C-alpha atoms as a PDB file:
ATOM      1  CA  MET A   1       7.787 -20.383 -16.795  1.00  0.00           C
ATOM      2  CA  SER A   2       9.633 -22.561 -14.263  1.00  0.00           C
ATOM      3  CA  SER A   3       8.752 -22.729 -10.587  1.00  0.00           C
ATOM      4  CA  ILE A   4      12.240 -21.398  -9.785  1.00  0.00           C
ATOM      5  CA  LYS A   5      11.545 -18.277 -11.819  1.00  0.00           C
ATOM      6  CA  TYR A   6       8.238 -17.743 -10.025  1.00  0.00           C
ATOM      7  CA  TYR A   7       9.972 -18.170  -6.668  1.00  0.00           C
ATOM      8  CA  GLN A   8      12.622 -15.609  -7.624  1.00  0.00           C
ATOM      9  CA  GLU A   9       9.985 -13.092  -8.668  1.00  0.00           C
ATOM     10  CA  LEU A  10       7.993 -13.676  -5.475  1.00  0.00           C
ATOM     11  CA  THR A  11      11.025 -13.270  -3.212  1.00  0.00           C
ATOM     12  CA  SER A  12      12.063 -10.162  -5.148  1.00  0.00           C
ATOM     13  CA  ALA A  13       8.628  -8.657  -4.504  1.00  0.00           C
ATOM     14  CA  ILE A  14       8.830  -9.576  -0.810  1.00  0.00           C
ATOM     15  CA  ARG A  15      12.265  -7.990  -0.447  1.00  0.00           C
ATOM     16  CA  PHE A  16      11.158  -4.898  -2.353  1.00  0.00           C
ATOM     17  CA  LEU A  17       8.045  -4.265  -0.261  1.00  0.00           C
ATOM     18  CA  THR A  18       9.089  -5.599   3.160  1.00  0.00           C
ATOM     19  CA  ILE A  19      12.077  -6.136   5.429  1.00  0.00           C
ATOM     20  CA  LEU A  20      11.490  -9.897   5.564  1.00  0.00           C
ATOM     21  CA  PRO A  21      14.773 -11.787   4.891  1.00  0.00           C
ATOM     22  CA  ILE A  22      13.418 -14.116   2.217  1.00  0.00           C
ATOM     23  CA  GLY A  23      15.389 -15.109  -0.881  1.00  0.00           C
ATOM     24  CA  HIS A  24      18.773 -13.853  -2.016  1.00  0.00           C
ATOM     25  CA  VAL A  25      19.917 -10.322  -1.235  1.00  0.00           C
ATOM     26  CA  ASN A  26      21.197  -9.819  -4.778  1.00  0.00           C
ATOM     27  CA  THR A  27      17.873 -10.747  -6.382  1.00  0.00           C
ATOM     28  CA  GLY A  28      17.140  -8.007  -8.902  1.00  0.00           C
ATOM     29  CA  MET A  29      13.930  -6.138  -9.668  1.00  0.00           C
ATOM     30  CA  SER A  30      11.810  -6.582 -12.760  1.00  0.00           C
ATOM     31  CA  VAL A  31       8.322  -5.764 -13.901  1.00  0.00           C
ATOM     32  CA  ALA A  32       7.529  -9.497 -13.619  1.00  0.00           C
ATOM     33  CA  MET A  33       7.723  -9.365  -9.836  1.00  0.00           C
ATOM     34  CA  VAL A  34       4.896  -6.810  -9.722  1.00  0.00           C
ATOM     35  CA  ARG A  35       2.336  -9.550 -10.351  1.00  0.00           C
ATOM     36  CA  PHE A  36       3.148 -10.861  -6.872  1.00  0.00           C
ATOM     37  CA  PHE A  37       2.336  -7.583  -5.091  1.00  0.00           C
ATOM     38  CA  PRO A  38      -1.135  -8.896  -4.094  1.00  0.00           C
ATOM     39  CA  ILE A  39       0.486 -11.983  -2.540  1.00  0.00           C
ATOM     40  CA  VAL A  40       2.999  -9.852  -0.639  1.00  0.00           C
ATOM     41  CA  GLY A  41       0.086  -7.739   0.555  1.00  0.00           C
ATOM     42  CA  LEU A  42      -1.675 -10.868   1.811  1.00  0.00           C
ATOM     43  CA  LEU A  43       1.539 -11.908   3.579  1.00  0.00           C
ATOM     44  CA  ILE A  44       1.772  -8.521   5.272  1.00  0.00           C
ATOM     45  CA  GLY A  45      -1.905  -8.720   6.181  1.00  0.00           C
ATOM     46  CA  GLY A  46      -1.441 -12.208   7.580  1.00  0.00           C
ATOM     47  CA  ILE A  47       1.354 -11.023   9.865  1.00  0.00           C
ATOM     48  CA  LEU A  48      -0.832  -8.083  10.906  1.00  0.00           C
ATOM     49  CA  ALA A  49      -3.706 -10.436  11.739  1.00  0.00           C
ATOM     50  CA  ILE A  50      -1.454 -12.648  13.885  1.00  0.00           C
ATOM     51  CA  VAL A  51      -0.074  -9.659  15.786  1.00  0.00           C
ATOM     52  CA  HIS A  52      -3.613  -8.325  16.212  1.00  0.00           C
ATOM     53  CA  VAL A  53      -4.859 -11.594  17.726  1.00  0.00           C
ATOM     54  CA  ILE A  54      -1.930 -11.794  20.145  1.00  0.00           C
ATOM     55  CA  SER A  55      -2.085  -8.152  21.221  1.00  0.00           C
ATOM     56  CA  SER A  56      -5.861  -8.407  21.681  1.00  0.00           C
ATOM     57  CA  GLN A  57      -5.190 -10.777  24.553  1.00  0.00           C
ATOM     58  CA  LEU A  58      -3.059  -8.148  26.275  1.00  0.00           C
ATOM     59  CA  TRP A  59      -4.584  -4.729  25.681  1.00  0.00           C
ATOM     60  CA  GLU A  60      -7.800  -2.903  24.911  1.00  0.00           C
ATOM     61  CA  THR A  61      -8.884  -2.073  21.356  1.00  0.00           C
ATOM     62  CA  SER A  62      -7.338   1.414  21.187  1.00  0.00           C
ATOM     63  CA  VAL A  63      -3.890   0.101  22.174  1.00  0.00           C
ATOM     64  CA  VAL A  64      -4.213  -2.892  19.850  1.00  0.00           C
ATOM     65  CA  ALA A  65      -4.971  -0.537  16.938  1.00  0.00           C
ATOM     66  CA  LEU A  66      -1.774   1.384  17.713  1.00  0.00           C
ATOM     67  CA  VAL A  67       0.194  -1.868  17.784  1.00  0.00           C
ATOM     68  CA  ASP A  68      -1.349  -2.723  14.396  1.00  0.00           C
ATOM     69  CA  VAL A  69      -0.199   0.594  12.901  1.00  0.00           C
ATOM     70  CA  ILE A  70       3.324   0.131  14.257  1.00  0.00           C
ATOM     71  CA  THR A  71       3.404  -3.447  12.960  1.00  0.00           C
ATOM     72  CA  LEU A  72       2.600  -2.329   9.415  1.00  0.00           C
ATOM     73  CA  ALA A  73       5.305   0.334   9.566  1.00  0.00           C
ATOM     74  CA  LEU A  74       7.890  -2.137  10.864  1.00  0.00           C
ATOM     75  CA  ILE A  75       7.114  -4.863   8.310  1.00  0.00           C
ATOM     76  CA  THR A  76       7.632  -2.434   5.436  1.00  0.00           C
ATOM     77  CA  GLY A  77      10.595  -0.629   6.987  1.00  0.00           C
ATOM     78  CA  ALA A  78       8.449   2.535   6.802  1.00  0.00           C
ATOM     79  CA  LEU A  79       9.133   2.511   3.046  1.00  0.00           C
ATOM     80  CA  HIS A  80       5.688   3.769   2.082  1.00  0.00           C
ATOM     81  CA  ILE A  81       5.607   6.317   4.898  1.00  0.00           C
ATOM     82  CA  ASP A  82       8.861   7.764   3.580  1.00  0.00           C
ATOM     83  CA  GLY A  83       7.331   7.943   0.105  1.00  0.00           C
ATOM     84  CA  LEU A  84       4.262   9.683   1.509  1.00  0.00           C
ATOM     85  CA  ALA A  85       6.434  12.275   3.263  1.00  0.00           C
ATOM     86  CA  ASP A  86       8.490  13.072   0.159  1.00  0.00           C
ATOM     87  CA  THR A  87       5.421  13.164  -2.079  1.00  0.00           C
ATOM     88  CA  ALA A  88       3.526  15.461   0.281  1.00  0.00           C
ATOM     89  CA  ASP A  89       6.398  17.949   0.363  1.00  0.00           C
ATOM     90  CA  GLY A  90       6.594  17.948  -3.432  1.00  0.00           C
ATOM     91  CA  LEU A  91       2.961  17.871  -4.492  1.00  0.00           C
ATOM     92  CA  LEU A  92       0.931  19.503  -1.715  1.00  0.00           C
ATOM     93  CA  GLY A  93       1.882  22.998  -2.602  1.00  0.00           C
ATOM     94  CA  HIS A  94       2.036  25.423  -5.506  1.00  0.00           C
ATOM     95  CA  LEU A  95       5.367  24.246  -6.875  1.00  0.00           C
ATOM     96  CA  SER A  96       6.175  23.814 -10.539  1.00  0.00           C
ATOM     97  CA  LYS A  97       6.701  20.307 -11.874  1.00  0.00           C
ATOM     98  CA  GLU A  98      10.480  20.741 -11.908  1.00  0.00           C
ATOM     99  CA  LYS A  99      10.575  22.171  -8.382  1.00  0.00           C
ATOM    100  CA  ALA A 100       8.255  19.456  -7.077  1.00  0.00           C
ATOM    101  CA  MET A 101      10.525  16.737  -8.477  1.00  0.00           C
ATOM    102  CA  ALA A 102      13.540  18.375  -6.874  1.00  0.00           C
ATOM    103  CA  VAL A 103      11.804  18.653  -3.500  1.00  0.00           C
ATOM    104  CA  MET A 104      10.821  14.969  -3.572  1.00  0.00           C
ATOM    105  CA  LYS A 105      14.472  14.012  -4.014  1.00  0.00           C
ATOM    106  CA  ASP A 106      15.437  16.027  -0.947  1.00  0.00           C
ATOM    107  CA  SER A 107      15.732  13.797   2.131  1.00  0.00           C
ATOM    108  CA  ARG A 108      14.707  16.617   4.458  1.00  0.00           C
ATOM    109  CA  ILE A 109      11.142  16.621   5.769  1.00  0.00           C
ATOM    110  CA  GLY A 110       8.974  19.731   5.573  1.00  0.00           C
ATOM    111  CA  ALA A 111       5.711  20.801   7.156  1.00  0.00           C
ATOM    112  CA  MET A 112       3.550  19.184   4.476  1.00  0.00           C
ATOM    113  CA  ALA A 113       5.298  15.865   4.998  1.00  0.00           C
ATOM    114  CA  LEU A 114       4.759  15.987   8.742  1.00  0.00           C
ATOM    115  CA  ILE A 115       1.085  16.879   8.388  1.00  0.00           C
ATOM    116  CA  ALA A 116       0.476  14.162   5.772  1.00  0.00           C
ATOM    117  CA  VAL A 117       2.204  11.412   7.748  1.00  0.00           C
ATOM    118  CA  ILE A 118       0.423  12.281  11.004  1.00  0.00           C
ATOM    119  CA  SER A 119      -2.934  12.580   9.226  1.00  0.00           C
ATOM    120  CA  PHE A 120      -2.794   9.273   7.366  1.00  0.00           C
ATOM    121  CA  LEU A 121      -1.368   7.317  10.288  1.00  0.00           C
ATOM    122  CA  SER A 122      -4.201   8.755  12.401  1.00  0.00           C
ATOM    123  CA  LEU A 123      -6.738   7.667   9.789  1.00  0.00           C
ATOM    124  CA  LYS A 124      -5.184   4.203   9.761  1.00  0.00           C
ATOM    125  CA  TRP A 125      -5.374   3.979  13.541  1.00  0.00           C
ATOM    126  CA  ALA A 126      -9.014   5.094  13.497  1.00  0.00           C
ATOM    127  CA  GLY A 127      -9.880   2.518  10.841  1.00  0.00           C
ATOM    128  CA  LEU A 128      -8.106  -0.322  12.637  1.00  0.00           C
ATOM    129  CA  TYR A 129      -9.723   0.711  15.932  1.00  0.00           C
ATOM    130  CA  SER A 130     -13.168   0.551  14.309  1.00  0.00           C
ATOM    131  CA  ILE A 131     -12.424  -2.785  12.632  1.00  0.00           C
ATOM    132  CA  GLY A 132     -11.202  -4.115  15.972  1.00  0.00           C
ATOM    133  CA  GLN A 133     -14.660  -3.473  17.443  1.00  0.00           C
ATOM    134  CA  HIS A 134     -16.487  -5.537  14.827  1.00  0.00           C
ATOM    135  CA  PRO A 135     -18.339  -8.429  16.523  1.00  0.00           C
ATOM    136  CA  SER A 136     -17.134 -11.017  13.985  1.00  0.00           C
ATOM    137  CA  ILE A 137     -13.520 -12.121  14.369  1.00  0.00           C
ATOM    138  CA  TYR A 138     -13.617 -13.446  10.793  1.00  0.00           C
ATOM    139  CA  HIS A 139     -14.592 -10.045   9.428  1.00  0.00           C
ATOM    140  CA  ARG A 140     -11.896  -8.350  11.502  1.00  0.00           C
ATOM    141  CA  LEU A 141      -9.075 -10.636  10.471  1.00  0.00           C
ATOM    142  CA  CYS A 142     -10.155 -11.030   6.841  1.00  0.00           C
ATOM    143  CA  ALA A 143     -10.271  -7.238   6.397  1.00  0.00           C
ATOM    144  CA  MET A 144      -6.808  -6.891   7.942  1.00  0.00           C
ATOM    145  CA  ILE A 145      -5.415  -9.572   5.631  1.00  0.00           C
ATOM    146  CA  ILE A 146      -6.830  -8.320   2.335  1.00  0.00           C
ATOM    147  CA  ILE A 147      -6.557  -4.532   2.685  1.00  0.00           C
ATOM    148  CA  PRO A 148      -2.723  -4.506   2.443  1.00  0.00           C
ATOM    149  CA  ALA A 149      -3.123  -6.559  -0.748  1.00  0.00           C
ATOM    150  CA  TYR A 150      -5.612  -4.060  -2.193  1.00  0.00           C
ATOM    151  CA  ALA A 151      -3.310  -1.165  -1.290  1.00  0.00           C
ATOM    152  CA  ARG A 152      -0.297  -2.679  -3.055  1.00  0.00           C
ATOM    153  CA  THR A 153      -2.326  -3.671  -6.092  1.00  0.00           C
ATOM    154  CA  SER A 154      -3.483  -0.066  -6.454  1.00  0.00           C
ATOM    155  CA  VAL A 155      -0.129   0.855  -8.004  1.00  0.00           C
ATOM    156  CA  PHE A 156      -0.974  -1.362 -10.990  1.00  0.00           C
ATOM    157  CA  ALA A 157      -3.264   1.385 -12.253  1.00  0.00           C
ATOM    158  CA  ALA A 158      -0.558   4.013 -11.817  1.00  0.00           C
ATOM    159  CA  MET A 159       1.990   1.864 -13.641  1.00  0.00           C
ATOM    160  CA  GLN A 160      -0.417   1.429 -16.547  1.00  0.00           C
ATOM    161  CA  TRP A 161      -1.327   5.103 -16.727  1.00  0.00           C
ATOM    162  CA  PHE A 162       1.997   6.880 -16.162  1.00  0.00           C
ATOM    163  CA  SER A 163       5.566   6.713 -17.356  1.00  0.00           C
ATOM    164  CA  TYR A 164       8.382   6.742 -14.814  1.00  0.00           C
ATOM    165  CA  GLY A 165       9.374  10.296 -13.999  1.00  0.00           C
ATOM    166  CA  THR A 166      13.049  10.038 -13.034  1.00  0.00           C
ATOM    167  CA  GLY A 167      14.443   7.794 -15.744  1.00  0.00           C
ATOM    168  CA  LYS A 168      17.130   5.351 -14.669  1.00  0.00           C
ATOM    169  CA  ARG A 169      18.027   7.454 -11.639  1.00  0.00           C
ATOM    170  CA  GLY A 170      15.152   6.093  -9.541  1.00  0.00           C
ATOM    171  CA  ILE A 171      15.221   2.736  -7.789  1.00  0.00           C
ATOM    172  CA  GLY A 172      11.976   1.618  -9.415  1.00  0.00           C
ATOM    173  CA  TYR A 173      12.706   2.360 -13.062  1.00  0.00           C
ATOM    174  CA  GLN A 174      13.062  -1.354 -13.874  1.00  0.00           C
ATOM    175  CA  LEU A 175       9.402  -1.818 -13.011  1.00  0.00           C
ATOM    176  CA  PHE A 176       8.486   0.345 -16.007  1.00  0.00           C
ATOM    177  CA  GLU A 177      10.582  -1.374 -18.662  1.00  0.00           C
ATOM    178  CA  SER A 178       7.404  -2.950 -20.062  1.00  0.00           C
ATOM    179  CA  LYS A 179       3.663  -2.570 -19.503  1.00  0.00           C
ATOM    180  CA  LEU A 180       1.682  -4.916 -17.296  1.00  0.00           C
ATOM    181  CA  THR A 181      -0.509  -7.486 -19.034  1.00  0.00           C
ATOM    182  CA  HIS A 182      -3.895  -8.895 -18.019  1.00  0.00           C
ATOM    183  CA  TYR A 183      -2.036 -11.969 -16.768  1.00  0.00           C
ATOM    184  CA  ASP A 184      -0.193  -9.819 -14.233  1.00  0.00           C
ATOM    185  CA  TYR A 185      -3.501  -8.955 -12.543  1.00  0.00           C
ATOM    186  CA  ALA A 186      -4.450 -12.615 -11.993  1.00  0.00           C
ATOM    187  CA  LEU A 187      -3.383 -12.921  -8.346  1.00  0.00           C
ATOM    188  CA  PHE A 188      -5.511  -9.918  -7.382  1.00  0.00           C
ATOM    189  CA  VAL A 189      -8.485 -12.256  -7.806  1.00  0.00           C
ATOM    190  CA  ILE A 190      -7.613 -13.847  -4.438  1.00  0.00           C
ATOM    191  CA  PRO A 191      -8.232 -10.782  -2.220  1.00  0.00           C
ATOM    192  CA  VAL A 192     -11.228  -9.785  -4.353  1.00  0.00           C
ATOM    193  CA  ILE A 193     -12.878 -13.178  -3.775  1.00  0.00           C
ATOM    194  CA  LEU A 194     -12.139 -12.923  -0.057  1.00  0.00           C
ATOM    195  CA  SER A 195     -13.726  -9.471   0.003  1.00  0.00           C
ATOM    196  CA  LEU A 196     -16.975 -10.938  -1.328  1.00  0.00           C
ATOM    197  CA  THR A 197     -17.313 -12.948   1.895  1.00  0.00           C
ATOM    198  CA  LEU A 198     -17.483  -9.764   3.977  1.00  0.00           C
ATOM    199  CA  GLY A 199     -20.921  -8.578   2.906  1.00  0.00           C
ATOM    200  CA  TRP A 200     -21.344  -4.813   3.219  1.00  0.00           C
ATOM    201  CA  MET A 201     -17.752  -4.466   4.406  1.00  0.00           C
ATOM    202  CA  GLY A 202     -16.586  -6.030   1.145  1.00  0.00           C
ATOM    203  CA  ILE A 203     -18.846  -3.793  -0.918  1.00  0.00           C
ATOM    204  CA  ALA A 204     -17.508  -0.724   0.895  1.00  0.00           C
ATOM    205  CA  LEU A 205     -13.951  -1.905   0.319  1.00  0.00           C
ATOM    206  CA  ASN A 206     -14.338  -2.362  -3.430  1.00  0.00           C
ATOM    207  CA  VAL A 207     -16.313   0.825  -4.020  1.00  0.00           C
ATOM    208  CA  VAL A 208     -13.910   2.994  -2.020  1.00  0.00           C
ATOM    209  CA  PHE A 209     -10.935   1.251  -3.665  1.00  0.00           C
ATOM    210  CA  CYS A 210     -12.137   2.171  -7.169  1.00  0.00           C
ATOM    211  CA  ILE A 211     -13.010   5.747  -6.216  1.00  0.00           C
ATOM    212  CA  THR A 212      -9.747   6.378  -4.374  1.00  0.00           C
ATOM    213  CA  VAL A 213      -7.530   4.886  -7.088  1.00  0.00           C
ATOM    214  CA  THR A 214      -9.279   7.089  -9.646  1.00  0.00           C
ATOM    215  CA  GLY A 215      -8.837  10.138  -7.424  1.00  0.00           C
ATOM    216  CA  VAL A 216      -5.122   9.533  -6.876  1.00  0.00           C
ATOM    217  CA  ILE A 217      -4.532   8.970 -10.601  1.00  0.00           C
ATOM    218  CA  PHE A 218      -6.392  12.196 -11.398  1.00  0.00           C
ATOM    219  CA  PHE A 219      -4.352  14.134  -8.803  1.00  0.00           C
ATOM    220  CA  TYR A 220      -1.021  12.761 -10.019  1.00  0.00           C
ATOM    221  CA  GLN A 221      -1.977  13.499 -13.619  1.00  0.00           C
ATOM    222  CA  LYS A 222      -2.908  17.065 -12.767  1.00  0.00           C
ATOM    223  CA  ARG A 223       0.233  17.735 -10.742  1.00  0.00           C
ATOM    224  CA  LEU A 224       3.000  15.963 -12.667  1.00  0.00           C
ATOM    225  CA  GLY A 225       1.754  13.636 -15.390  1.00  0.00           C
ATOM    226  CA  VAL A 226       4.401  11.067 -14.431  1.00  0.00           C
ATOM    227  CA  ILE A 227       5.061   8.886 -11.402  1.00  0.00           C
ATOM    228  CA  THR A 228       8.035   8.127  -9.158  1.00  0.00           C
ATOM    229  CA  GLY A 229       8.846   5.497  -6.550  1.00  0.00           C
ATOM    230  CA  ASP A 230       7.935   7.942  -3.783  1.00  0.00           C
ATOM    231  CA  MET A 231       4.562   8.582  -5.375  1.00  0.00           C
ATOM    232  CA  MET A 232       3.845   4.859  -5.598  1.00  0.00           C
ATOM    233  CA  GLY A 233       4.775   4.482  -1.933  1.00  0.00           C
ATOM    234  CA  ALA A 234       2.508   7.390  -1.055  1.00  0.00           C
ATOM    235  CA  MET A 235      -0.308   5.814  -3.036  1.00  0.00           C
ATOM    236  CA  ILE A 236       0.045   2.546  -1.114  1.00  0.00           C
ATOM    237  CA  GLU A 237       0.118   4.305   2.260  1.00  0.00           C
ATOM    238  CA  CYS A 238      -2.884   6.496   1.440  1.00  0.00           C
ATOM    239  CA  MET A 239      -4.886   3.584   0.024  1.00  0.00           C
ATOM    240  CA  GLU A 240      -4.206   1.448   3.083  1.00  0.00           C
ATOM    241  CA  SER A 241      -5.306   4.162   5.490  1.00  0.00           C
ATOM    242  CA  ILE A 242      -8.439   5.075   3.549  1.00  0.00           C
ATOM    243  CA  LEU A 243      -9.502   1.446   3.045  1.00  0.00           C
ATOM    244  CA  PHE A 244      -9.083   0.594   6.724  1.00  0.00           C
ATOM    245  CA  LEU A 245     -11.181   3.644   7.575  1.00  0.00           C
ATOM    246  CA  ALA A 246     -13.864   2.781   5.013  1.00  0.00           C
ATOM    247  CA  VAL A 247     -14.163  -0.850   6.082  1.00  0.00           C
ATOM    248  CA  GLY A 248     -14.150   0.166   9.742  1.00  0.00           C
ATOM    249  CA  SER A 249     -17.078   2.531   9.255  1.00  0.00           C
ATOM    250  CA  GLY A 250     -19.729   1.993  11.905  1.00  0.00           C
ATOM    251  CA  GLY A 251     -22.391   1.860   9.216  1.00  0.00           C
ATOM    252  CA  PHE A 252     -21.086  -1.509   8.029  1.00  0.00           C
ATOM    253  CA  HIS A 253     -20.986  -3.243  11.407  1.00  0.00           C
END
């Protein structure tokens, strides 16, 4: 595959997952761009780390953690937060599969959405606050860089396990036109290797990652048996919050 093709897939992934103006606006989506999700996650994490370092010179840890949360929301255009809200309204109740799908398509936000968004953003703040207190600046910044990559790679498992639930009506249906191959997982090796330099923090990250991915897959299977773009966004947002909290646990300082 040519370097131009790789560049197009990378910029497509960046435009899909962030608001960064990289590449051509009319670049289309394809399942091939998914292999670059870990790299986009590292890019997001790198921006987060830079903002964290700068804001740390201005404010105390609690304020810096809030700036970190806002930074992540801004970089992604709140895409995953929107997916979390829609998914919570559809799945966190006793609705039938058909009703849940209809609710997720509704742009209005209900009580479940509000509770879920506030809860997971609070967890993310708590995790980033705890990470910000770690005595090693390397551990702090490395965790902030790799966790967004882990969160975005988590959808690989969902894409392998589920079919797309809304057919060609959803914006992400092109990502399901073919199954991922082992080759598509290759770039995930980068954040995994970086995690191994974090000692107990890295162990916590990988263990919680595996457990949480399995739990989300089980929940989605029980509720719908398919997946949508909103559900993938919700998965990313939940994974990010839970991983920050796990790595920021005082027991691993």
